[in-house]
C-alpha atoms as a PDB file:
ATOM      1  CA  MET A   1     -28.126  -2.856   5.592  1.00  0.00           C
ATOM      2  CA  THR A   2     -25.025  -0.867   4.736  1.00  0.00           C
ATOM      3  CA  HIS A   3     -21.907  -2.461   3.279  1.00  0.00           C
ATOM      4  CA  SER A   4     -18.285  -1.563   3.963  1.00  0.00           C
ATOM      5  CA  VAL A   5     -16.670  -0.664   0.642  1.00  0.00           C
ATOM      6  CA  HIS A   6     -12.929  -0.298   0.084  1.00  0.00           C
ATOM      7  CA  PRO A   7     -12.276   3.485  -0.124  1.00  0.00           C
ATOM      8  CA  TYR A   8     -10.053   2.986  -3.192  1.00  0.00           C
ATOM      9  CA  SER A   9     -12.451   0.886  -5.302  1.00  0.00           C
ATOM     10  CA  HIS A  10     -15.340   3.128  -4.214  1.00  0.00           C
ATOM     11  CA  ARG A  11     -13.672   6.083  -6.004  1.00  0.00           C
ATOM     12  CA  LEU A  12     -12.393   4.366  -9.176  1.00  0.00           C
ATOM     13  CA  GLY A  13     -13.126   6.506 -12.216  1.00  0.00           C
ATOM     14  CA  ILE A  14     -13.952   9.503 -10.004  1.00  0.00           C
ATOM     15  CA  ILE A  15     -10.682  10.555  -8.321  1.00  0.00           C
ATOM     16  CA  ARG A  16      -8.733   7.260  -8.583  1.00  0.00           C
ATOM     17  CA  ASP A  17      -7.225   5.256 -11.444  1.00  0.00           C
ATOM     18  CA  TRP A  18      -6.650   1.490 -11.657  1.00  0.00           C
ATOM     19  CA  LYS A  19      -3.426   0.148 -10.124  1.00  0.00           C
ATOM     20  CA  SER A  20      -3.062  -2.252 -13.075  1.00  0.00           C
ATOM     21  CA  ARG A  21      -3.377  -0.669 -16.522  1.00  0.00           C
ATOM     22  CA  TRP A  22      -3.373  -2.841 -19.660  1.00  0.00           C
ATOM     23  CA  PHE A  23      -3.223  -1.854 -23.330  1.00  0.00           C
ATOM     24  CA  GLY A  24      -4.181  -4.309 -26.091  1.00  0.00           C
ATOM     25  CA  ALA A  25      -5.386  -7.018 -23.684  1.00  0.00           C
ATOM     26  CA  ARG A  26      -8.052  -8.532 -25.962  1.00  0.00           C
ATOM     27  CA  GLY A  27      -8.370 -12.283 -25.333  1.00  0.00           C
ATOM     28  CA  LYS A  28      -5.611 -12.274 -22.699  1.00  0.00           C
ATOM     29  CA  TYR A  29      -7.565 -11.251 -19.598  1.00  0.00           C
ATOM     30  CA  GLN A  30      -6.885 -14.481 -17.645  1.00  0.00           C
ATOM     31  CA  GLU A  31      -3.150 -14.471 -18.374  1.00  0.00           C
ATOM     32  CA  TYR A  32      -2.729 -10.775 -17.535  1.00  0.00           C
ATOM     33  CA  LEU A  33      -4.750 -11.073 -14.314  1.00  0.00           C
ATOM     34  CA  LYS A  34      -2.799 -14.147 -13.153  1.00  0.00           C
ATOM     35  CA  THR A  35       0.513 -12.380 -13.882  1.00  0.00           C
ATOM     36  CA  ASP A  36      -0.473  -9.203 -12.020  1.00  0.00           C
ATOM     37  CA  ILE A  37      -1.812 -11.005  -8.926  1.00  0.00           C
ATOM     38  CA  THR A  38       1.246 -13.321  -8.708  1.00  0.00           C
ATOM     39  CA  LEU A  39       3.693 -10.438  -9.145  1.00  0.00           C
ATOM     40  CA  ARG A  40       1.892  -8.147  -6.707  1.00  0.00           C
ATOM     41  CA  ASP A  41       1.880 -10.850  -3.981  1.00  0.00           C
ATOM     42  CA  TYR A  42       5.562 -11.577  -4.614  1.00  0.00           C
ATOM     43  CA  LEU A  43       6.615  -7.900  -4.564  1.00  0.00           C
ATOM     44  CA  ASP A  44       4.588  -7.190  -1.390  1.00  0.00           C
ATOM     45  CA  LYS A  45       6.651  -9.862   0.422  1.00  0.00           C
ATOM     46  CA  ARG A  46       9.935  -8.990  -1.323  1.00  0.00           C
ATOM     47  CA  LEU A  47       9.731  -5.241  -0.588  1.00  0.00           C
ATOM     48  CA  ARG A  48       8.379  -5.496   2.972  1.00  0.00           C
ATOM     49  CA  GLY A  49      10.387  -3.201   5.223  1.00  0.00           C
ATOM     50  CA  LEU A  50      11.330  -0.783   2.415  1.00  0.00           C
ATOM     51  CA  TYR A  51       8.466   1.668   3.169  1.00  0.00           C
ATOM     52  CA  VAL A  52       6.561   1.021  -0.083  1.00  0.00           C
ATOM     53  CA  ASP A  53       3.281   2.905  -0.472  1.00  0.00           C
ATOM     54  CA  SER A  54       1.936   1.268  -3.638  1.00  0.00           C
ATOM     55  CA  ILE A  55       2.895  -0.797  -6.696  1.00  0.00           C
ATOM     56  CA  ASP A  56       1.414   0.213 -10.066  1.00  0.00           C
ATOM     57  CA  MET A  57       1.624  -1.922 -13.214  1.00  0.00           C
ATOM     58  CA  GLU A  58       1.348  -0.822 -16.841  1.00  0.00           C
ATOM     59  CA  ARG A  59       1.334  -3.407 -19.588  1.00  0.00           C
ATOM     60  CA  GLY A  60       1.570  -2.861 -23.346  1.00  0.00           C
ATOM     61  CA  GLU A  61       2.339  -5.357 -26.114  1.00  0.00           C
ATOM     62  CA  LYS A  62       6.108  -4.855 -25.849  1.00  0.00           C
ATOM     63  CA  LEU A  63       6.725  -3.432 -22.362  1.00  0.00           C
ATOM     64  CA  TYR A  64       5.742  -4.416 -18.816  1.00  0.00           C
ATOM     65  CA  ARG A  65       6.332  -1.429 -16.512  1.00  0.00           C
ATOM     66  CA  ILE A  66       6.304  -1.729 -12.714  1.00  0.00           C
ATOM     67  CA  ILE A  67       6.171   1.541 -10.749  1.00  0.00           C
ATOM     68  CA  ILE A  68       7.222   1.216  -7.093  1.00  0.00           C
ATOM     69  CA  LYS A  69       6.294   4.246  -4.950  1.00  0.00           C
ATOM     70  CA  THR A  70       8.384   4.434  -1.789  1.00  0.00           C
ATOM     71  CA  SER A  71       9.575   7.027   0.730  1.00  0.00           C
ATOM     72  CA  ARG A  72      13.087   5.483   0.687  1.00  0.00           C
ATOM     73  CA  PRO A  73      13.996   4.975  -2.996  1.00  0.00           C
ATOM     74  CA  GLY A  74      17.704   4.523  -2.173  1.00  0.00           C
ATOM     75  CA  MET A  75      16.916   1.314  -0.261  1.00  0.00           C
ATOM     76  CA  VAL A  76      15.018  -0.144  -3.260  1.00  0.00           C
ATOM     77  CA  ILE A  77      17.434   0.990  -6.002  1.00  0.00           C
ATOM     78  CA  GLY A  78      20.593   0.037  -4.075  1.00  0.00           C
ATOM     79  CA  ARG A  79      24.166   1.020  -4.911  1.00  0.00           C
ATOM     80  CA  SER A  80      24.495   2.011  -8.582  1.00  0.00           C
ATOM     81  CA  GLY A  81      21.097   0.424  -9.338  1.00  0.00           C
ATOM     82  CA  GLU A  82      21.947  -3.097  -8.132  1.00  0.00           C
ATOM     83  CA  GLY A  83      18.694  -3.479  -6.160  1.00  0.00           C
ATOM     84  CA  ALA A  84      16.430  -2.546  -9.103  1.00  0.00           C
ATOM     85  CA  THR A  85      18.355  -4.905 -11.427  1.00  0.00           C
ATOM     86  CA  LYS A  86      18.004  -7.773  -8.931  1.00  0.00           C
ATOM     87  CA  ILE A  87      14.228  -7.130  -8.610  1.00  0.00           C
ATOM     88  CA  LYS A  88      13.938  -7.224 -12.422  1.00  0.00           C
ATOM     89  CA  GLU A  89      15.833 -10.550 -12.596  1.00  0.00           C
ATOM     90  CA  ASP A  90      13.691 -12.059  -9.812  1.00  0.00           C
ATOM     91  CA  ILE A  91      10.480 -10.998 -11.605  1.00  0.00           C
ATOM     92  CA  LEU A  92      11.604 -12.730 -14.819  1.00  0.00           C
ATOM     93  CA  LYS A  93      12.482 -15.893 -12.832  1.00  0.00           C
ATOM     94  CA  LYS A  94       9.060 -15.855 -11.166  1.00  0.00           C
ATOM     95  CA  MET A  95       7.328 -15.526 -14.531  1.00  0.00           C
ATOM     96  CA  ARG A  96       9.264 -18.482 -15.983  1.00  0.00           C
ATOM     97  CA  LYS A  97       8.208 -20.556 -12.962  1.00  0.00           C
ATOM     98  CA  ILE A  98       4.482 -19.978 -13.564  1.00  0.00           C
ATOM     99  CA  LYS A  99       5.035 -20.375 -17.364  1.00  0.00           C
ATOM    100  CA  VAL A 100       3.791 -16.953 -18.405  1.00  0.00           C
ATOM    101  CA  SER A 101       5.339 -15.148 -21.358  1.00  0.00           C
ATOM    102  CA  ILE A 102       6.237 -11.606 -20.421  1.00  0.00           C
ATOM    103  CA  PRO A 103       7.527  -8.759 -22.646  1.00  0.00           C
ATOM    104  CA  GLU A 104      10.453  -6.539 -21.687  1.00  0.00           C
ATOM    105  CA  VAL A 105      10.322  -5.587 -17.976  1.00  0.00           C
ATOM    106  CA  LYS A 106      11.071  -2.076 -16.736  1.00  0.00           C
ATOM    107  CA  VAL A 107      11.212  -1.237 -13.011  1.00  0.00           C
ATOM    108  CA  ASP A 108      10.697   2.441 -12.082  1.00  0.00           C
ATOM    109  CA  VAL A 109      11.126   3.678  -8.512  1.00  0.00           C
ATOM    110  CA  GLU A 110       9.311   6.897  -7.564  1.00  0.00           C
ATOM    111  CA  GLU A 111       9.860   8.841  -4.359  1.00  0.00           C
ATOM    112  CA  VAL A 112       6.894   9.648  -2.084  1.00  0.00           C
ATOM    113  CA  LYS A 113       7.334  13.214  -0.826  1.00  0.00           C
ATOM    114  CA  ASP A 114       5.124  13.151   2.314  1.00  0.00           C
ATOM    115  CA  PRO A 115       5.344   9.646   3.818  1.00  0.00           C
ATOM    116  CA  GLU A 116       3.087  10.609   6.781  1.00  0.00           C
ATOM    117  CA  ALA A 117       0.264  11.426   4.334  1.00  0.00           C
ATOM    118  CA  HIS A 118       0.285   7.954   2.714  1.00  0.00           C
ATOM    119  CA  SER A 119      -1.585   5.128   4.444  1.00  0.00           C
ATOM    120  CA  GLY A 120       0.609   2.271   3.116  1.00  0.00           C
ATOM    121  CA  ILE A 121       3.735   3.719   4.739  1.00  0.00           C
ATOM    122  CA  VAL A 122       1.946   4.704   7.981  1.00  0.00           C
ATOM    123  CA  ALA A 123       0.430   1.193   8.300  1.00  0.00           C
ATOM    124  CA  TYR A 124       3.877  -0.364   7.946  1.00  0.00           C
ATOM    125  CA  MET A 125       5.320   2.066  10.536  1.00  0.00           C
ATOM    126  CA  VAL A 126       2.638   0.918  13.027  1.00  0.00           C
ATOM    127  CA  ALA A 127       3.257  -2.778  12.248  1.00  0.00           C
ATOM    128  CA  GLU A 128       7.033  -2.316  12.590  1.00  0.00           C
ATOM    129  CA  ALA A 129       6.622  -0.654  16.016  1.00  0.00           C
ATOM    130  CA  LEU A 130       4.304  -3.486  17.164  1.00  0.00           C
ATOM    131  CA  GLU A 131       6.902  -6.064  16.067  1.00  0.00           C
ATOM    132  CA  LYS A 132       9.453  -4.220  18.239  1.00  0.00           C
ATOM    133  CA  ARG A 133       7.123  -4.942  21.218  1.00  0.00           C
ATOM    134  CA  MET A 134       6.250  -1.310  21.944  1.00  0.00           C
ATOM    135  CA  PRO A 135       2.947  -0.674  23.837  1.00  0.00           C
ATOM    136  CA  PHE A 136       0.158  -0.512  21.235  1.00  0.00           C
ATOM    137  CA  ARG A 137      -1.647   2.512  22.765  1.00  0.00           C
ATOM    138  CA  ARG A 138       1.536   4.581  22.726  1.00  0.00           C
ATOM    139  CA  ILE A 139       2.173   3.560  19.087  1.00  0.00           C
ATOM    140  CA  MET A 140      -1.345   4.622  18.061  1.00  0.00           C
ATOM    141  CA  LYS A 141      -1.165   8.002  19.823  1.00  0.00           C
ATOM    142  CA  GLN A 142       2.329   8.848  18.547  1.00  0.00           C
ATOM    143  CA  THR A 143       1.479   7.813  14.968  1.00  0.00           C
ATOM    144  CA  VAL A 144      -1.752   9.851  14.929  1.00  0.00           C
ATOM    145  CA  GLU A 145       0.096  12.943  16.217  1.00  0.00           C
ATOM    146  CA  LYS A 146       2.847  12.493  13.625  1.00  0.00           C
ATOM    147  CA  VAL A 147       0.310  12.124  10.781  1.00  0.00           C
ATOM    148  CA  MET A 148      -1.830  15.093  11.892  1.00  0.00           C
ATOM    149  CA  ALA A 149       1.309  17.276  12.046  1.00  0.00           C
ATOM    150  CA  ASN A 150       1.393  17.086   8.211  1.00  0.00           C
ATOM    151  CA  LYS A 151      -0.383  20.088   6.629  1.00  0.00           C
ATOM    152  CA  LYS A 152      -1.972  17.977   3.870  1.00  0.00           C
ATOM    153  CA  VAL A 153      -3.757  15.654   6.319  1.00  0.00           C
ATOM    154  CA  LYS A 154      -7.231  16.591   7.595  1.00  0.00           C
ATOM    155  CA  GLY A 155      -8.114  13.354   9.363  1.00  0.00           C
ATOM    156  CA  VAL A 156      -6.710   9.962  10.347  1.00  0.00           C
ATOM    157  CA  ARG A 157      -8.087   6.743  11.783  1.00  0.00           C
ATOM    158  CA  ILE A 158      -6.074   3.704  12.930  1.00  0.00           C
ATOM    159  CA  ASN A 159      -7.647   0.348  13.758  1.00  0.00           C
ATOM    160  CA  LEU A 160      -5.755  -2.522  15.445  1.00  0.00           C
ATOM    161  CA  SER A 161      -7.260  -5.983  15.926  1.00  0.00           C
ATOM    162  CA  GLY A 162      -5.851  -9.182  17.419  1.00  0.00           C
ATOM    163  CA  ARG A 163      -4.240 -10.253  20.684  1.00  0.00           C
ATOM    164  CA  LEU A 164      -3.257  -6.733  21.682  1.00  0.00           C
ATOM    165  CA  GLY A 165      -0.631  -6.621  24.429  1.00  0.00           C
ATOM    166  CA  GLY A 166      -0.476 -10.442  24.389  1.00  0.00           C
ATOM    167  CA  ALA A 167      -3.985 -10.785  25.872  1.00  0.00           C
ATOM    168  CA  GLU A 168      -5.709 -14.189  25.780  1.00  0.00           C
ATOM    169  CA  MET A 169      -8.736 -12.833  23.922  1.00  0.00           C
ATOM    170  CA  SER A 170      -8.446 -10.810  20.734  1.00  0.00           C
ATOM    171  CA  ARG A 171     -10.078  -7.389  20.587  1.00  0.00           C
ATOM    172  CA  ARG A 172     -10.219  -4.252  18.492  1.00  0.00           C
ATOM    173  CA  GLU A 173      -8.894  -0.792  19.357  1.00  0.00           C
ATOM    174  CA  THR A 174      -9.534   2.354  17.281  1.00  0.00           C
ATOM    175  CA  ILE A 175      -8.159   5.883  17.456  1.00  0.00           C
ATOM    176  CA  LYS A 176      -9.391   8.799  15.339  1.00  0.00           C
ATOM    177  CA  ARG A 177      -8.455  12.454  14.838  1.00  0.00           C
ATOM    178  CA  GLY A 178     -10.090  14.948  12.470  1.00  0.00           C
ATOM    179  CA  GLN A 179     -12.655  13.852   9.895  1.00  0.00           C
ATOM    180  CA  ILE A 180     -12.883  10.789   7.616  1.00  0.00           C
ATOM    181  CA  PRO A 181     -15.793  11.303   5.148  1.00  0.00           C
ATOM    182  CA  LEU A 182     -16.073   7.789   3.650  1.00  0.00           C
ATOM    183  CA  GLN A 183     -19.333   8.491   1.757  1.00  0.00           C
ATOM    184  CA  THR A 184     -18.104  11.609  -0.091  1.00  0.00           C
ATOM    185  CA  LEU A 185     -16.760  10.419  -3.455  1.00  0.00           C
ATOM    186  CA  ARG A 186     -14.586  13.501  -4.059  1.00  0.00           C
ATOM    187  CA  ALA A 187     -12.913  13.031  -0.647  1.00  0.00           C
ATOM    188  CA  ASP A 188      -9.286  11.907  -1.060  1.00  0.00           C
ATOM    189  CA  VAL A 189      -9.272   9.026   1.464  1.00  0.00           C
ATOM    190  CA  ASP A 190      -6.192   6.791   1.395  1.00  0.00           C
ATOM    191  CA  PHE A 191      -6.601   3.324   2.955  1.00  0.00           C
ATOM    192  CA  ALA A 192      -4.170   0.486   3.671  1.00  0.00           C
ATOM    193  CA  ARG A 193      -3.994  -2.838   5.507  1.00  0.00           C
ATOM    194  CA  GLU A 194      -0.885  -4.346   7.095  1.00  0.00           C
ATOM    195  CA  LYS A 195      -0.045  -7.275   9.374  1.00  0.00           C
ATOM    196  CA  ALA A 196       2.275  -7.282  12.393  1.00  0.00           C
ATOM    197  CA  PHE A 197       3.729 -10.758  12.962  1.00  0.00           C
ATOM    198  CA  LEU A 198       4.209 -11.432  16.687  1.00  0.00           C
ATOM    199  CA  PRO A 199       5.074 -14.642  18.615  1.00  0.00           C
ATOM    200  CA  TYR A 200       1.518 -14.946  19.997  1.00  0.00           C
ATOM    201  CA  GLY A 201      -0.251 -14.281  16.680  1.00  0.00           C
ATOM    202  CA  VAL A 202      -0.870 -11.753  13.930  1.00  0.00           C
ATOM    203  CA  ILE A 203      -2.198  -8.251  14.635  1.00  0.00           C
ATOM    204  CA  GLY A 204      -4.136  -6.574  11.827  1.00  0.00           C
ATOM    205  CA  VAL A 205      -3.517  -2.887  11.133  1.00  0.00           C
ATOM    206  CA  LYS A 206      -5.896  -0.659   9.156  1.00  0.00           C
ATOM    207  CA  VAL A 207      -5.173   3.000   8.386  1.00  0.00           C
ATOM    208  CA  TRP A 208      -7.438   5.656   6.825  1.00  0.00           C
ATOM    209  CA  ILE A 209      -5.956   9.068   5.941  1.00  0.00           C
ATOM    210  CA  TYR A 210      -8.110  11.946   4.662  1.00  0.00           C
ATOM    211  CA  ARG A 211      -6.268  14.558   2.579  1.00  0.00           C
ATOM    212  CA  GLY A 212      -9.078  16.962   1.669  1.00  0.00           C
ATOM    213  CA  GLU A 213     -11.451  17.069  -1.293  1.00  0.00           C
ATOM    214  CA  ILE A 214     -10.474  16.894  -4.956  1.00  0.00           C
ATOM    215  CA  PHE A 215     -12.392  19.068  -7.432  1.00  0.00           C
ATOM    216  CA  GLU A 216     -12.160  19.161 -11.247  1.00  0.00           C
ATOM    217  CA  ASP A 217     -10.364  22.552 -11.098  1.00  0.00           C
ATOM    218  CA  ASN A 218      -7.633  21.181  -8.792  1.00  0.00           C
ATOM    219  CA  LYS A 219      -6.663  18.220 -11.021  1.00  0.00           C
END
């Protein structure tokens, strides 16, 4: 029997790096893992709606660095850096609450150049449109066309599951354009999950985006 493997974890050490990177973590694995999971869950909720693609964490002995990759950095940073400062303060408060000692925190915001080529942003765009009560088939078709219009993208697949269109029974709908080679390890496949919260239940959104193959010479 075959198993579905997350496209990101499947390629770790080949074309992908870890989203949490620790230095000097001997004997502190449990503490570091608890901190990262708690913070990631908190930031996912806190930054929802700000078109965030991914959150990377780097931890040394004296510095805890959080890298937020978003297509709208101005919305995260705020006027004269107020937003980033507030996020930093909230992180420190959260850490005090769970009684975890944390070194100096630094929040970096990086801009994503091609939002249509990043699955995290596309998945949120689909979820946002569903929450605005737009017809799900139209959303899927328009999103796929928008993504395929980007020169970097060679294939896209969108999967919606739940009570689509307010139906009594939940079902799954899929749309695909181009190619999505999930077994090829050098294939740059970006994957993301998102939830659309509607009055009659939650609709799950999955997005795969294929951006070509990565070879050693191209790195």
